[in-house]
């Protein structure tokens, strides 16, 4: 999968909610679309589908590789569509959830991207991770 030209995106955010709550926003389709996409098909088990439709045209697809409930998940990532430079399953997203007091630090590493795709994907993660924080913290506030 990764090549010599591949590079890595690393991001970290802190969310004022327990890892169990944060984890569900990566595995529950209804919660996933609260922060990213308009439709999600998620089967969070090794070999299970990961598919997120952003707008009816841009559709990310891959499969779950590893699932450690409330601690870590790894899935492949790419884009549906003829001739896309990042085909489904050709890059890897690793998410680690680290308990931090009453909150959780989310560490995200996206690897295996061609160098030219890194800026756009970094921009995407920079857009969507704050939305994740907002969505999870809104739920945590309602439950408090």
Protein backbone atom coordinates (compact mmCIF):
# COMPACT_ATOMS: atom_id res chain seq x y z
CA UNK A 1 0.00 0.00 0.00
CA UNK A 2 2.32 2.88 1.08
CA UNK A 3 4.96 3.77 -1.48
CA UNK A 4 8.20 5.75 -1.34
CA UNK A 5 6.22 8.87 -2.33
CA UNK A 6 3.56 8.29 0.32
CA UNK A 7 3.34 10.65 3.23
CA UNK A 8 1.52 10.83 6.52
CA UNK A 9 -1.00 13.19 8.09
CA UNK A 10 -1.04 13.30 11.89
CA UNK A 11 -3.63 15.18 13.92
CA UNK A 12 -4.64 15.27 17.57
CA UNK A 13 -7.70 16.77 19.28
CA UNK A 14 -9.00 16.62 22.84
CA UNK A 15 -12.67 15.95 23.43
CA UNK A 16 -14.45 16.50 26.74
CA UNK A 17 -16.12 13.07 26.70
CA UNK A 18 -15.27 9.48 27.59
CA UNK A 19 -13.53 7.22 25.04
CA UNK A 20 -16.69 5.07 24.85
CA UNK A 21 -18.68 8.06 23.62
CA UNK A 22 -16.00 9.19 21.16
CA UNK A 23 -15.57 5.65 19.78
CA UNK A 24 -19.24 5.50 18.85
CA UNK A 25 -18.78 8.48 16.51
CA UNK A 26 -16.45 6.33 14.40
CA UNK A 27 -18.59 3.17 14.43
CA UNK A 28 -22.26 4.22 14.53
CA UNK A 29 -23.47 5.46 11.11
CA UNK A 30 -26.05 7.82 12.64
CA UNK A 31 -23.42 9.47 14.81
CA UNK A 32 -20.76 9.48 12.07
CA UNK A 33 -22.86 11.71 9.83
CA UNK A 34 -23.23 14.23 12.64
CA UNK A 35 -19.64 15.25 11.94
CA UNK A 36 -18.81 13.96 8.46
CA UNK A 37 -20.78 13.01 5.37
CA UNK A 38 -24.46 12.76 4.60
CA UNK A 39 -24.68 8.96 4.66
CA UNK A 40 -22.42 6.34 6.23
CA UNK A 41 -22.32 2.56 5.92
CA UNK A 42 -20.12 1.19 8.71
CA UNK A 43 -19.56 -2.42 9.77
CA UNK A 44 -16.94 -2.02 12.51
CA UNK A 45 -15.27 -5.43 12.48
CA UNK A 46 -12.16 -6.65 10.66
CA UNK A 47 -13.11 -6.91 6.99
CA UNK A 48 -16.29 -4.87 7.52
CA UNK A 49 -17.25 -2.05 5.17
CA UNK A 50 -16.30 1.58 5.73
CA UNK A 51 -18.18 3.83 3.28
CA UNK A 52 -19.05 7.50 3.66
CA UNK A 53 -21.00 9.49 1.07
CA UNK A 54 -20.07 13.14 1.49
CA UNK A 55 -22.32 14.75 -1.09
CA UNK A 56 -23.66 12.17 -3.53
CA UNK A 57 -20.51 12.44 -5.65
CA UNK A 58 -17.53 12.19 -3.29
CA UNK A 59 -17.65 8.77 -1.64
CA UNK A 60 -14.86 7.43 0.57
CA UNK A 61 -14.63 3.64 0.81
CA UNK A 62 -12.45 1.08 2.51
CA UNK A 63 -12.73 -1.56 5.18
CA UNK A 64 -12.10 -1.86 8.85
CA UNK A 65 -8.82 -3.63 9.64
CA UNK A 66 -8.59 -3.47 13.44
CA UNK A 67 -11.10 -2.70 16.14
CA UNK A 68 -10.20 -2.42 19.83
CA UNK A 69 -13.39 -1.11 21.44
CA UNK A 70 -12.99 2.32 23.01
CA UNK A 71 -9.20 2.37 22.34
CA UNK A 72 -8.31 2.08 18.67
CA UNK A 73 -9.62 1.50 15.19
CA UNK A 74 -7.91 1.20 11.85
CA UNK A 75 -9.59 1.34 8.46
CA UNK A 76 -8.53 1.69 4.85
CA UNK A 77 -9.52 4.77 2.87
CA UNK A 78 -9.86 5.77 -0.75
CA UNK A 79 -12.36 7.27 -3.16
CA UNK A 80 -14.92 5.63 -5.41
CA UNK A 81 -14.93 6.69 -9.04
CA UNK A 82 -13.16 5.78 -12.25
CA UNK A 83 -9.49 6.65 -12.34
CA UNK A 84 -9.34 8.31 -8.93
CA UNK A 85 -5.69 8.64 -7.83
CA UNK A 86 -6.58 7.22 -4.40
CA UNK A 87 -8.68 4.12 -5.08
CA UNK A 88 -10.78 2.56 -2.30
CA UNK A 89 -8.66 0.89 0.34
CA UNK A 90 -5.34 2.35 -0.83
CA UNK A 91 -4.51 4.40 2.27
CA UNK A 92 -4.90 3.70 5.99
CA UNK A 93 -6.47 5.75 8.81
CA UNK A 94 -5.51 4.84 12.39
CA UNK A 95 -7.47 6.38 15.26
CA UNK A 96 -6.26 5.98 18.84
CA UNK A 97 -8.35 7.12 21.81
CA UNK A 98 -6.35 8.00 24.92
CA UNK A 99 -8.21 8.66 28.19
CA UNK A 100 -7.30 12.09 29.57
CA UNK A 101 -8.99 12.87 32.86
CA UNK A 102 -12.68 13.16 32.04
CA UNK A 103 -11.92 13.53 28.37
CA UNK A 104 -10.26 11.75 25.47
CA UNK A 105 -7.33 12.62 23.24
CA UNK A 106 -8.02 11.48 19.68
CA UNK A 107 -4.85 10.74 17.71
CA UNK A 108 -5.38 10.29 13.99
CA UNK A 109 -2.75 9.10 11.53
CA UNK A 110 -3.60 8.89 7.83
CA UNK A 111 -0.85 7.10 5.91
CA UNK A 112 -0.26 5.76 2.44
CA UNK A 113 -1.43 8.86 0.59
CA UNK A 114 0.36 9.97 -2.55
CA UNK A 115 2.30 13.16 -1.85
CA UNK A 116 0.03 15.26 -4.08
CA UNK A 117 -3.05 14.18 -2.13
CA UNK A 118 -1.75 15.17 1.29
CA UNK A 119 -2.73 18.88 1.27
CA UNK A 120 -6.37 18.21 0.35
CA UNK A 121 -6.71 15.35 2.87
CA UNK A 122 -4.99 17.40 5.60
CA UNK A 123 -7.46 20.20 4.87
CA UNK A 124 -10.30 17.69 5.16
CA UNK A 125 -9.16 16.36 8.53
CA UNK A 126 -8.62 19.96 9.73
CA UNK A 127 -12.22 20.70 8.77
CA UNK A 128 -13.85 17.56 10.13
CA UNK A 129 -12.00 16.89 13.41
CA UNK A 130 -13.31 20.12 15.01
CA UNK A 131 -16.79 19.03 13.89
CA UNK A 132 -16.19 15.72 15.67
CA UNK A 133 -15.26 17.59 18.85
CA UNK A 134 -18.39 19.73 18.58
CA UNK A 135 -20.74 16.79 17.92
CA UNK A 136 -19.37 14.59 20.71
CA UNK A 137 -19.26 17.39 23.28
CA UNK A 138 -22.83 18.38 22.42
CA UNK A 139 -23.94 14.80 23.19
CA UNK A 140 -21.86 14.71 26.38
CA UNK A 141 -23.44 18.01 27.51
CA UNK A 142 -26.95 16.60 26.91
CA UNK A 143 -26.12 13.52 28.97
CA UNK A 144 -24.54 15.47 31.84
